[in-house]
Protein backbone atom coordinates (compact mmCIF):
# COMPACT_ATOMS: atom_id res chain seq x y z
CA MET A 1 0.00 0.00 0.00
CA LYS A 2 1.26 3.47 -0.84
CA ILE A 3 -0.59 6.75 -0.43
CA ILE A 4 0.67 10.32 -0.37
CA LEU A 5 -0.52 12.90 2.16
CA ALA A 6 0.62 16.32 3.30
CA ASN A 7 2.13 16.43 6.78
CA GLU A 8 -0.59 18.86 7.86
CA VAL A 9 -3.31 16.20 7.56
CA LEU A 10 -1.51 13.31 9.28
CA ALA A 11 -2.66 13.94 12.86
CA PRO A 12 -6.20 14.99 11.84
CA SER A 13 -6.42 11.79 9.77
CA VAL A 14 -5.42 9.62 12.72
CA ASN A 15 -7.97 11.42 14.91
CA PHE A 16 -10.73 11.13 12.30
CA LEU A 17 -10.12 7.45 11.63
CA GLY A 18 -10.31 6.82 15.37
CA THR A 19 -13.87 8.15 15.45
CA ILE A 20 -15.24 5.69 12.89
CA LYS A 21 -17.01 2.67 14.39
CA LEU A 22 -16.09 -0.45 12.43
CA LYS A 23 -16.25 -4.21 12.81
CA GLY A 24 -14.06 -7.11 11.79
CA LYS A 25 -12.05 -6.80 8.60
CA ASP A 26 -12.82 -3.09 8.25
CA SER A 27 -11.61 -2.38 11.77
CA ARG A 28 -8.42 -4.30 11.07
CA ALA A 29 -7.79 -2.36 7.84
CA ARG A 30 -8.35 0.93 9.65
CA THR A 31 -6.01 -0.09 12.48
CA LYS A 32 -3.24 -0.97 10.03
CA LEU A 33 -3.65 2.41 8.36
CA VAL A 34 -3.70 4.29 11.68
CA ASN A 35 -0.48 2.53 12.70
CA LEU A 36 1.22 3.62 9.47
CA LEU A 37 -0.03 7.20 9.88
CA THR A 38 1.01 7.31 13.53
CA LYS A 39 4.55 6.34 12.57
CA GLN A 40 4.64 9.31 10.18
CA VAL A 41 3.18 11.62 12.85
CA ARG A 42 6.07 10.67 15.15
CA GLU A 43 8.58 11.46 12.40
CA LEU A 44 6.85 14.80 11.79
CA GLN A 45 7.04 15.60 15.50
CA GLU A 46 10.78 14.89 15.44
CA SER A 47 11.17 17.25 12.47
CA GLU A 48 9.14 19.93 14.23
CA GLN A 49 11.31 19.56 17.34
CA ALA A 50 14.46 19.89 15.26
CA LEU A 51 13.03 23.08 13.75
CA ILE A 52 12.21 24.45 17.20
CA ASP A 53 15.71 23.61 18.40
CA GLU A 54 17.16 25.50 15.44
CA TYR A 55 15.06 28.65 15.98
CA ALA A 56 14.66 28.66 19.77
CA LYS A 57 15.82 31.61 21.79
CA THR A 58 18.68 30.63 24.08
CA ASP A 59 20.15 32.19 27.19
CA GLU A 60 23.82 33.07 27.67
CA ASN A 61 24.55 29.41 28.51
CA GLY A 62 23.00 28.15 25.28
CA LYS A 63 19.96 26.70 27.06
CA GLN A 64 16.55 27.15 25.44
CA GLU A 65 14.36 29.77 27.07
CA LYS A 66 10.85 28.60 27.93
CA ALA A 67 7.53 30.41 27.67
CA GLU A 68 5.04 30.37 30.55
CA ASN A 69 3.35 27.30 29.06
CA GLY A 70 6.65 25.40 29.11
CA ASN A 71 7.23 25.46 25.37
CA ALA A 72 10.47 26.74 23.91
CA LYS A 73 10.49 30.41 22.96
CA ILE A 74 11.27 31.12 19.34
CA ASP A 75 13.90 33.82 18.86
CA PRO A 76 11.85 36.97 18.12
CA ASP A 77 14.35 38.02 15.44
CA ARG A 78 13.76 34.72 13.62
CA VAL A 79 10.02 34.17 14.05
CA LYS A 80 9.15 34.91 10.40
CA GLU A 81 11.86 32.54 9.20
CA TYR A 82 10.69 29.84 11.63
CA LEU A 83 7.06 30.21 10.56
CA ALA A 84 8.03 30.00 6.88
CA GLU A 85 10.06 26.84 7.48
CA HIS A 86 7.31 25.30 9.61
CA SER A 87 4.76 26.04 6.91
CA LYS A 88 6.97 24.34 4.31
CA LEU A 89 7.32 21.32 6.59
CA MET A 90 3.57 21.02 7.07
CA LEU A 91 2.93 21.21 3.32
CA GLU A 92 5.53 18.57 2.47
CA GLN A 93 4.11 15.41 0.99
CA VAL A 94 4.86 12.16 2.78
CA GLU A 95 4.59 8.72 1.28
CA ILE A 96 2.72 6.30 3.52
CA GLU A 97 3.74 2.82 2.58
CA GLY A 98 3.50 -0.57 4.18
CA GLY A 99 2.20 -3.75 2.68
CA THR A 100 -0.37 -5.28 4.94
CA TYR A 101 -2.41 -7.25 2.46
CA VAL A 102 -3.31 -7.04 -1.20
CA ASN A 103 -6.73 -5.38 -0.94
CA HIS A 104 -5.84 -2.91 1.82
CA ILE A 105 -6.16 0.18 -0.38
CA ASP A 106 -9.53 -0.99 -1.68
CA ASP A 107 -10.76 -1.79 1.86
CA CYS A 108 -9.67 1.55 3.30
CA GLN A 109 -11.11 3.45 0.36
CA LYS A 110 -14.41 1.58 0.71
CA ILE A 111 -14.54 2.41 4.44
CA LEU A 112 -14.24 6.09 3.59
CA GLU A 113 -16.68 5.95 0.69
CA ASP A 114 -19.26 4.15 2.86
CA TYR A 115 -18.84 6.55 5.78
CA ASP A 116 -22.18 8.30 6.31
CA GLY A 117 -21.46 10.47 9.34
CA GLU A 118 -21.55 14.24 9.22
CA LEU A 119 -18.20 15.92 8.78
CA GLU A 120 -16.88 19.36 9.64
CA GLY A 121 -13.61 21.08 10.40
CA GLN A 122 -10.50 18.95 10.61
CA ASN A 123 -12.47 15.72 10.20
CA ALA A 124 -13.82 16.96 6.88
CA GLN A 125 -10.33 18.01 5.79
CA ALA A 126 -8.87 14.64 6.82
CA TYR A 127 -11.68 12.71 5.10
CA ASP A 128 -11.15 14.62 1.87
CA ALA A 129 -7.35 14.25 1.95
CA LEU A 130 -7.53 10.53 2.71
CA LEU A 131 -10.08 9.80 0.00
CA ASP A 132 -8.07 11.83 -2.53
CA ALA A 133 -4.93 9.90 -1.57
CA PHE A 134 -6.64 6.53 -1.93
CA GLU A 135 -8.17 7.47 -5.26
CA ALA A 136 -4.76 8.60 -6.54
CA ALA A 137 -3.12 5.40 -5.27
CA LYS A 138 -5.77 3.29 -6.97
CA LYS A 139 -5.28 5.16 -10.27
CA GLU A 140 -1.52 4.68 -10.03
CA LYS A 141 -2.00 0.99 -9.24
CA GLU A 142 -4.30 0.57 -12.26
CA GLY A 143 -1.80 2.40 -14.47
CA GLU A 144 1.02 -0.02 -13.67
């Protein structure tokens, strides 16, 4: 299985998929997909942390300064640069790949197509991005 998603929809996709009530084979297919997405979310978090480390404001000892909420402070002179780099990171496309079984793409796509719940906000964005990714993967698979 191989689908392509933007980093910005990884976490919302995991959250959305967790809200769908499924049984048996469908639940298993969803769980496999969530596991693959979660792995990519962890890699994204590592990249975000590296970006924060690069742009964090440090004291005279080189230690990161913290905001009241405990998060690292971004150097005020570099905020625009940090935000631009973070935006690029979130828009990067990531390839989600991991063979679970032959019909996994079809099963996951069918789960989404059959979903009849109401969608709004991030769930709607995740649903749309996932379905687009599965449709593109299916087209690529058929074109091989």
